[in-house]
N, C-alpha and C. Protein backbone atom coordinates (compact mmCIF):
# COMPACT_ATOMS: atom_id res chain seq x y z
N MET A 1 29.62 31.34 28.14
CA MET A 1 29.40 30.24 29.04
C MET A 1 28.85 30.82 30.34
N THR A 2 27.90 30.14 30.82
CA THR A 2 27.25 30.63 32.02
C THR A 2 28.02 30.17 33.24
N SER A 3 27.67 30.75 34.31
CA SER A 3 28.32 30.42 35.57
C SER A 3 28.03 28.97 35.95
N GLU A 4 26.85 28.57 35.68
CA GLU A 4 26.49 27.18 35.99
C GLU A 4 27.29 26.20 35.13
N GLU A 5 27.46 26.51 33.86
CA GLU A 5 28.22 25.65 32.97
C GLU A 5 29.70 25.62 33.39
N ARG A 6 30.16 26.80 33.80
CA ARG A 6 31.54 26.89 34.26
C ARG A 6 31.72 26.05 35.53
N ASP A 7 30.77 26.11 36.42
CA ASP A 7 30.86 25.33 37.66
C ASP A 7 30.84 23.82 37.35
N ARG A 8 29.95 23.45 36.40
CA ARG A 8 29.91 22.03 36.03
C ARG A 8 31.23 21.60 35.39
N MET A 9 31.77 22.48 34.56
CA MET A 9 33.04 22.15 33.93
C MET A 9 34.14 22.04 34.98
N MET A 10 34.15 22.95 35.92
CA MET A 10 35.16 22.92 36.98
C MET A 10 35.00 21.66 37.82
N ASN A 11 33.76 21.30 38.13
CA ASN A 11 33.51 20.07 38.89
C ASN A 11 33.97 18.85 38.10
N PHE A 12 33.69 18.87 36.80
CA PHE A 12 34.12 17.78 35.94
C PHE A 12 35.65 17.67 35.94
N ILE A 13 36.31 18.80 35.79
CA ILE A 13 37.79 18.82 35.78
C ILE A 13 38.33 18.35 37.12
N LEU A 14 37.72 18.82 38.19
CA LEU A 14 38.17 18.42 39.52
C LEU A 14 37.94 16.92 39.74
N GLU A 15 36.79 16.41 39.28
CA GLU A 15 36.51 14.98 39.41
C GLU A 15 37.53 14.17 38.59
N GLN A 16 37.82 14.64 37.38
CA GLN A 16 38.79 13.97 36.53
C GLN A 16 40.18 14.00 37.17
N GLN A 17 40.52 15.14 37.74
CA GLN A 17 41.81 15.28 38.42
C GLN A 17 41.86 14.34 39.62
N ALA A 18 40.78 14.25 40.37
CA ALA A 18 40.73 13.35 41.53
C ALA A 18 40.85 11.90 41.06
N GLN A 19 40.15 11.57 39.96
CA GLN A 19 40.21 10.20 39.42
C GLN A 19 41.63 9.88 38.95
N ILE A 20 42.26 10.81 38.31
CA ILE A 20 43.64 10.63 37.85
C ILE A 20 44.56 10.40 39.06
N THR A 21 44.33 11.19 40.10
CA THR A 21 45.15 11.06 41.32
C THR A 21 44.93 9.67 41.94
N VAL A 22 43.68 9.23 42.02
CA VAL A 22 43.37 7.92 42.58
C VAL A 22 43.99 6.83 41.71
N ASN A 23 43.83 6.95 40.39
CA ASN A 23 44.43 5.96 39.48
C ASN A 23 45.94 5.93 39.60
N HIS A 24 46.53 7.09 39.74
CA HIS A 24 47.98 7.17 39.90
C HIS A 24 48.40 6.49 41.21
N GLN A 25 47.66 6.76 42.28
CA GLN A 25 47.95 6.15 43.58
C GLN A 25 47.83 4.62 43.48
N LEU A 26 46.76 4.14 42.83
CA LEU A 26 46.57 2.70 42.65
C LEU A 26 47.71 2.10 41.82
N ALA A 27 48.12 2.82 40.80
CA ALA A 27 49.22 2.34 39.96
C ALA A 27 50.51 2.25 40.78
N GLN A 28 50.75 3.23 41.62
CA GLN A 28 51.95 3.20 42.47
C GLN A 28 51.89 2.02 43.46
N GLU A 29 50.70 1.79 44.03
CA GLU A 29 50.55 0.67 44.96
C GLU A 29 50.78 -0.66 44.24
N ARG A 30 50.19 -0.80 43.05
CA ARG A 30 50.39 -2.03 42.28
C ARG A 30 51.87 -2.21 41.92
N GLU A 31 52.52 -1.10 41.55
CA GLU A 31 53.93 -1.17 41.23
C GLU A 31 54.74 -1.61 42.46
N ALA A 32 54.40 -1.06 43.62
CA ALA A 32 55.11 -1.42 44.85
C ALA A 32 54.88 -2.91 45.17
N GLU A 33 53.65 -3.38 44.98
CA GLU A 33 53.36 -4.79 45.21
C GLU A 33 54.15 -5.66 44.22
N PHE A 34 54.14 -5.23 42.97
CA PHE A 34 54.87 -5.97 41.94
C PHE A 34 56.35 -6.03 42.28
N ARG A 35 56.91 -4.89 42.67
CA ARG A 35 58.34 -4.86 43.02
C ARG A 35 58.64 -5.79 44.20
N ALA A 36 57.75 -5.75 45.22
CA ALA A 36 57.96 -6.60 46.39
C ALA A 36 57.90 -8.08 45.99
N ARG A 37 56.90 -8.44 45.16
CA ARG A 37 56.80 -9.83 44.71
C ARG A 37 58.00 -10.19 43.84
N TYR A 38 58.39 -9.27 42.99
CA TYR A 38 59.53 -9.51 42.10
C TYR A 38 60.80 -9.73 42.92
N GLU A 39 61.02 -8.90 43.91
CA GLU A 39 62.21 -9.04 44.76
C GLU A 39 62.17 -10.35 45.54
N ALA A 40 60.98 -10.72 46.04
CA ALA A 40 60.85 -11.99 46.75
C ALA A 40 61.12 -13.16 45.80
N ASP A 41 60.57 -13.06 44.60
CA ASP A 41 60.81 -14.10 43.61
C ASP A 41 62.29 -14.18 43.24
N GLN A 42 62.90 -13.02 43.09
CA GLN A 42 64.33 -13.00 42.76
C GLN A 42 65.16 -13.63 43.87
N GLU A 43 64.80 -13.35 45.12
CA GLU A 43 65.52 -13.94 46.25
C GLU A 43 65.34 -15.46 46.23
N LEU A 44 64.12 -15.91 45.96
CA LEU A 44 63.85 -17.34 45.86
C LEU A 44 64.66 -17.96 44.73
N VAL A 45 64.72 -17.28 43.61
CA VAL A 45 65.51 -17.77 42.47
C VAL A 45 66.99 -17.84 42.85
N ARG A 46 67.49 -16.81 43.53
CA ARG A 46 68.89 -16.82 43.95
C ARG A 46 69.18 -17.99 44.89
N GLU A 47 68.24 -18.24 45.82
CA GLU A 47 68.42 -19.36 46.75
C GLU A 47 68.43 -20.68 46.00
N ARG A 48 67.51 -20.84 45.07
CA ARG A 48 67.44 -22.09 44.31
C ARG A 48 68.69 -22.27 43.45
N VAL A 49 69.13 -21.22 42.83
CA VAL A 49 70.35 -21.29 42.01
C VAL A 49 71.54 -21.65 42.90
N SER A 50 71.60 -21.06 44.07
CA SER A 50 72.68 -21.36 45.00
C SER A 50 72.65 -22.83 45.40
N ARG A 51 71.45 -23.35 45.70
CA ARG A 51 71.34 -24.77 46.06
C ARG A 51 71.72 -25.66 44.88
N LEU A 52 71.30 -25.26 43.68
CA LEU A 52 71.67 -26.03 42.49
C LEU A 52 73.19 -26.04 42.30
N GLU A 53 73.80 -24.88 42.49
CA GLU A 53 75.26 -24.81 42.36
C GLU A 53 75.94 -25.72 43.38
N GLU A 54 75.43 -25.71 44.62
CA GLU A 54 75.99 -26.58 45.65
C GLU A 54 75.81 -28.04 45.28
N SER A 55 74.62 -28.38 44.80
CA SER A 55 74.35 -29.77 44.39
C SER A 55 75.25 -30.18 43.25
N MET A 56 75.45 -29.29 42.30
CA MET A 56 76.31 -29.60 41.17
C MET A 56 77.75 -29.79 41.64
N ALA A 57 78.19 -28.96 42.57
CA ALA A 57 79.55 -29.10 43.10
C ALA A 57 79.69 -30.44 43.83
N GLU A 58 78.67 -30.81 44.60
CA GLU A 58 78.70 -32.09 45.31
C GLU A 58 78.71 -33.25 44.31
N MET A 59 77.92 -33.13 43.26
CA MET A 59 77.89 -34.17 42.24
C MET A 59 79.23 -34.28 41.53
N ALA A 60 79.84 -33.15 41.25
CA ALA A 60 81.15 -33.16 40.59
C ALA A 60 82.18 -33.83 41.51
N GLN A 61 82.12 -33.52 42.80
CA GLN A 61 83.04 -34.13 43.76
C GLN A 61 82.79 -35.64 43.82
N ALA A 62 81.52 -36.04 43.87
CA ALA A 62 81.20 -37.46 43.91
C ALA A 62 81.68 -38.16 42.64
N GLN A 63 81.53 -37.50 41.51
CA GLN A 63 81.98 -38.09 40.25
C GLN A 63 83.50 -38.25 40.26
N THR A 64 84.20 -37.26 40.77
CA THR A 64 85.66 -37.34 40.87
C THR A 64 86.06 -38.50 41.77
N GLU A 65 85.38 -38.63 42.90
CA GLU A 65 85.68 -39.72 43.82
C GLU A 65 85.38 -41.08 43.18
N MET A 66 84.30 -41.16 42.44
CA MET A 66 83.96 -42.40 41.76
C MET A 66 85.01 -42.74 40.70
N GLN A 67 85.48 -41.74 39.97
CA GLN A 67 86.52 -41.98 38.97
C GLN A 67 87.80 -42.47 39.64
N GLN A 68 88.13 -41.87 40.78
CA GLN A 68 89.33 -42.31 41.51
C GLN A 68 89.16 -43.74 42.00
N ALA A 69 87.97 -44.05 42.51
CA ALA A 69 87.70 -45.42 42.97
C ALA A 69 87.76 -46.39 41.81
N GLN A 70 87.24 -45.99 40.67
CA GLN A 70 87.27 -46.85 39.49
C GLN A 70 88.71 -47.08 39.05
N THR A 71 89.51 -46.04 39.07
CA THR A 71 90.92 -46.18 38.71
C THR A 71 91.61 -47.14 39.68
N GLY A 72 91.30 -47.00 40.97
CA GLY A 72 91.87 -47.92 41.96
C GLY A 72 91.43 -49.35 41.72
N MET A 73 90.16 -49.53 41.38
CA MET A 73 89.66 -50.87 41.09
C MET A 73 90.36 -51.45 39.86
N GLN A 74 90.56 -50.63 38.85
CA GLN A 74 91.23 -51.11 37.64
C GLN A 74 92.66 -51.53 37.96
N GLN A 75 93.34 -50.74 38.80
CA GLN A 75 94.70 -51.09 39.19
C GLN A 75 94.71 -52.38 40.00
N ALA A 76 93.72 -52.53 40.88
CA ALA A 76 93.63 -53.75 41.68
C ALA A 76 93.36 -54.95 40.78
N GLN A 77 92.51 -54.78 39.78
CA GLN A 77 92.23 -55.87 38.86
C GLN A 77 93.49 -56.27 38.09
N LYS A 78 94.26 -55.27 37.66
CA LYS A 78 95.52 -55.57 36.97
C LYS A 78 96.46 -56.35 37.88
N GLU A 79 96.53 -55.94 39.15
CA GLU A 79 97.40 -56.62 40.11
C GLU A 79 96.91 -58.05 40.34
N VAL A 80 95.60 -58.23 40.42
CA VAL A 80 95.06 -59.58 40.59
C VAL A 80 95.40 -60.44 39.38
N LYS A 81 95.30 -59.88 38.18
CA LYS A 81 95.65 -60.63 36.96
C LYS A 81 97.13 -61.02 36.97
N ARG A 82 97.99 -60.06 37.38
CA ARG A 82 99.43 -60.36 37.44
C ARG A 82 99.69 -61.47 38.47
N THR A 83 99.03 -61.35 39.61
CA THR A 83 99.21 -62.36 40.66
C THR A 83 98.71 -63.72 40.18
N GLN A 84 97.56 -63.73 39.51
CA GLN A 84 97.01 -64.98 39.00
C GLN A 84 97.95 -65.61 37.97
N ALA A 85 98.50 -64.78 37.10
CA ALA A 85 99.44 -65.29 36.10
C ALA A 85 100.67 -65.89 36.79
N HIS A 86 101.15 -65.21 37.83
CA HIS A 86 102.31 -65.71 38.57
C HIS A 86 101.96 -67.04 39.25
N LEU A 87 100.78 -67.10 39.87
CA LEU A 87 100.37 -68.35 40.51
C LEU A 87 100.23 -69.48 39.50
N ASN A 88 99.72 -69.15 38.32
CA ASN A 88 99.62 -70.17 37.26
C ASN A 88 101.01 -70.70 36.90
N GLU A 89 101.98 -69.79 36.81
CA GLU A 89 103.35 -70.21 36.51
C GLU A 89 103.91 -71.09 37.62
N VAL A 90 103.65 -70.68 38.88
CA VAL A 90 104.15 -71.47 40.02
C VAL A 90 103.51 -72.86 40.02
N VAL A 91 102.22 -72.92 39.77
CA VAL A 91 101.54 -74.22 39.74
C VAL A 91 102.09 -75.08 38.61
N ALA A 92 102.34 -74.47 37.45
CA ALA A 92 102.91 -75.23 36.33
C ALA A 92 104.27 -75.80 36.70
N VAL A 93 105.10 -75.00 37.38
CA VAL A 93 106.42 -75.48 37.81
C VAL A 93 106.25 -76.60 38.83
N MET A 94 105.30 -76.43 39.74
CA MET A 94 105.07 -77.46 40.76
C MET A 94 104.58 -78.76 40.12
N VAL A 95 103.72 -78.64 39.12
CA VAL A 95 103.24 -79.84 38.42
C VAL A 95 104.41 -80.55 37.75
N GLU A 96 105.25 -79.79 37.10
CA GLU A 96 106.41 -80.39 36.43
C GLU A 96 107.36 -81.02 37.45
N THR A 97 107.58 -80.32 38.55
CA THR A 97 108.45 -80.86 39.61
C THR A 97 107.84 -82.13 40.19
N HIS A 98 106.54 -82.13 40.41
CA HIS A 98 105.85 -83.31 40.94
C HIS A 98 105.97 -84.48 39.96
N ARG A 99 105.80 -84.20 38.67
CA ARG A 99 105.92 -85.25 37.65
C ARG A 99 107.34 -85.84 37.69
N HIS A 100 108.33 -84.97 37.75
CA HIS A 100 109.73 -85.42 37.79
C HIS A 100 109.98 -86.23 39.07
N THR A 101 109.43 -85.76 40.20
CA THR A 101 109.60 -86.47 41.47
C THR A 101 108.94 -87.84 41.40
N GLU A 102 107.78 -87.93 40.80
CA GLU A 102 107.10 -89.22 40.66
C GLU A 102 107.92 -90.17 39.80
N GLU A 103 108.49 -89.64 38.73
CA GLU A 103 109.33 -90.49 37.86
C GLU A 103 110.52 -91.03 38.64
N ARG A 104 111.16 -90.17 39.40
CA ARG A 104 112.33 -90.61 40.20
C ARG A 104 111.90 -91.59 41.29
N LEU A 105 110.75 -91.31 41.92
CA LEU A 105 110.25 -92.20 42.96
C LEU A 105 109.89 -93.57 42.37
N ASP A 106 109.27 -93.56 41.20
CA ASP A 106 108.95 -94.83 40.53
C ASP A 106 110.22 -95.60 40.22
N ALA A 107 111.26 -94.90 39.75
CA ALA A 107 112.53 -95.56 39.45
C ALA A 107 113.15 -96.12 40.72
N PHE A 108 113.08 -95.35 41.81
CA PHE A 108 113.64 -95.80 43.10
C PHE A 108 112.88 -97.02 43.60
N ILE A 109 111.56 -96.96 43.49
CA ILE A 109 110.75 -98.10 43.94
C ILE A 109 111.10 -99.34 43.11
N GLY A 110 111.28 -99.15 41.81
CA GLY A 110 111.68 -100.27 40.95
C GLY A 110 112.98 -100.88 41.40
N VAL A 111 113.95 -100.04 41.68
CA VAL A 111 115.27 -100.53 42.14
C VAL A 111 115.11 -101.23 43.47
N LEU A 112 114.35 -100.63 44.38
CA LEU A 112 114.16 -101.20 45.72
C LEU A 112 113.44 -102.55 45.62
N GLU A 113 112.44 -102.61 44.76
CA GLU A 113 111.71 -103.87 44.61
C GLU A 113 112.64 -104.95 44.04
N ARG A 114 113.46 -104.60 43.07
CA ARG A 114 114.42 -105.58 42.53
C ARG A 114 115.40 -106.02 43.61
N TYR A 115 115.86 -105.07 44.39
CA TYR A 115 116.81 -105.39 45.45
C TYR A 115 116.19 -106.35 46.46
N ILE A 116 114.96 -106.03 46.87
CA ILE A 116 114.29 -106.87 47.86
C ILE A 116 113.99 -108.24 47.24
N SER A 117 113.54 -108.22 45.99
CA SER A 117 113.21 -109.46 45.31
C SER A 117 114.44 -110.34 45.16
N GLU A 118 115.54 -109.80 44.81
CA GLU A 118 116.78 -110.56 44.63
C GLU A 118 117.26 -111.06 45.98
N ASP A 119 117.09 -110.27 47.03
CA ASP A 119 117.52 -110.66 48.35
C ASP A 119 116.68 -111.82 48.88
N ARG A 120 115.42 -111.83 48.60
CA ARG A 120 114.53 -112.90 49.07
C ARG A 120 114.79 -114.20 48.33
N ASN A 121 115.15 -114.07 47.11
CA ASN A 121 115.40 -115.28 46.32
C ASN A 121 116.78 -115.86 46.64
N GLY A 122 117.46 -115.24 47.50
CA GLY A 122 118.74 -115.75 47.96
C GLY A 122 119.87 -115.48 47.01
N LYS A 123 119.70 -114.57 46.14
CA LYS A 123 120.77 -114.31 45.19
C LYS A 123 121.83 -113.40 45.78
N HIS A 124 121.51 -112.75 46.80
CA HIS A 124 122.52 -111.83 47.37
C HIS A 124 122.73 -112.15 48.83
N GLY A 125 123.85 -111.87 49.23
CA GLY A 125 124.34 -111.77 50.57
C GLY A 125 123.87 -112.71 51.63
N GLY A 126 122.80 -113.16 51.96
CA GLY A 126 122.46 -113.87 53.17
C GLY A 126 122.91 -115.31 53.21
N GLU A 127 123.53 -115.97 52.27
CA GLU A 127 123.90 -117.37 52.28
C GLU A 127 125.28 -117.62 52.72
């Protein structure tokens, strides 16, 4: 091999070595960029997951509160039904009492009318 061929080969090797070094440097830069983007994305994912967890906890709390309110409403409805049933019983008793009172009042009026009628006809006392 001649000196010129050796020089060309050495230049070729040096150029290849320089290209490898440049490619390696570019690969490291791309890796660093990728890592930075990956870490930023991971932080964003962590933030979103954290917000989702908070939202889910708030929803669970709201659901619990709604269930408690529903239970309270059901108890109130039961109490209203009991009260309504009691009022129905009271009204039924009052209706029966009123009917009995009317019967007695009708009987009293009948007696009073007979008394007044007999008194006017002179059958009792005033003569």
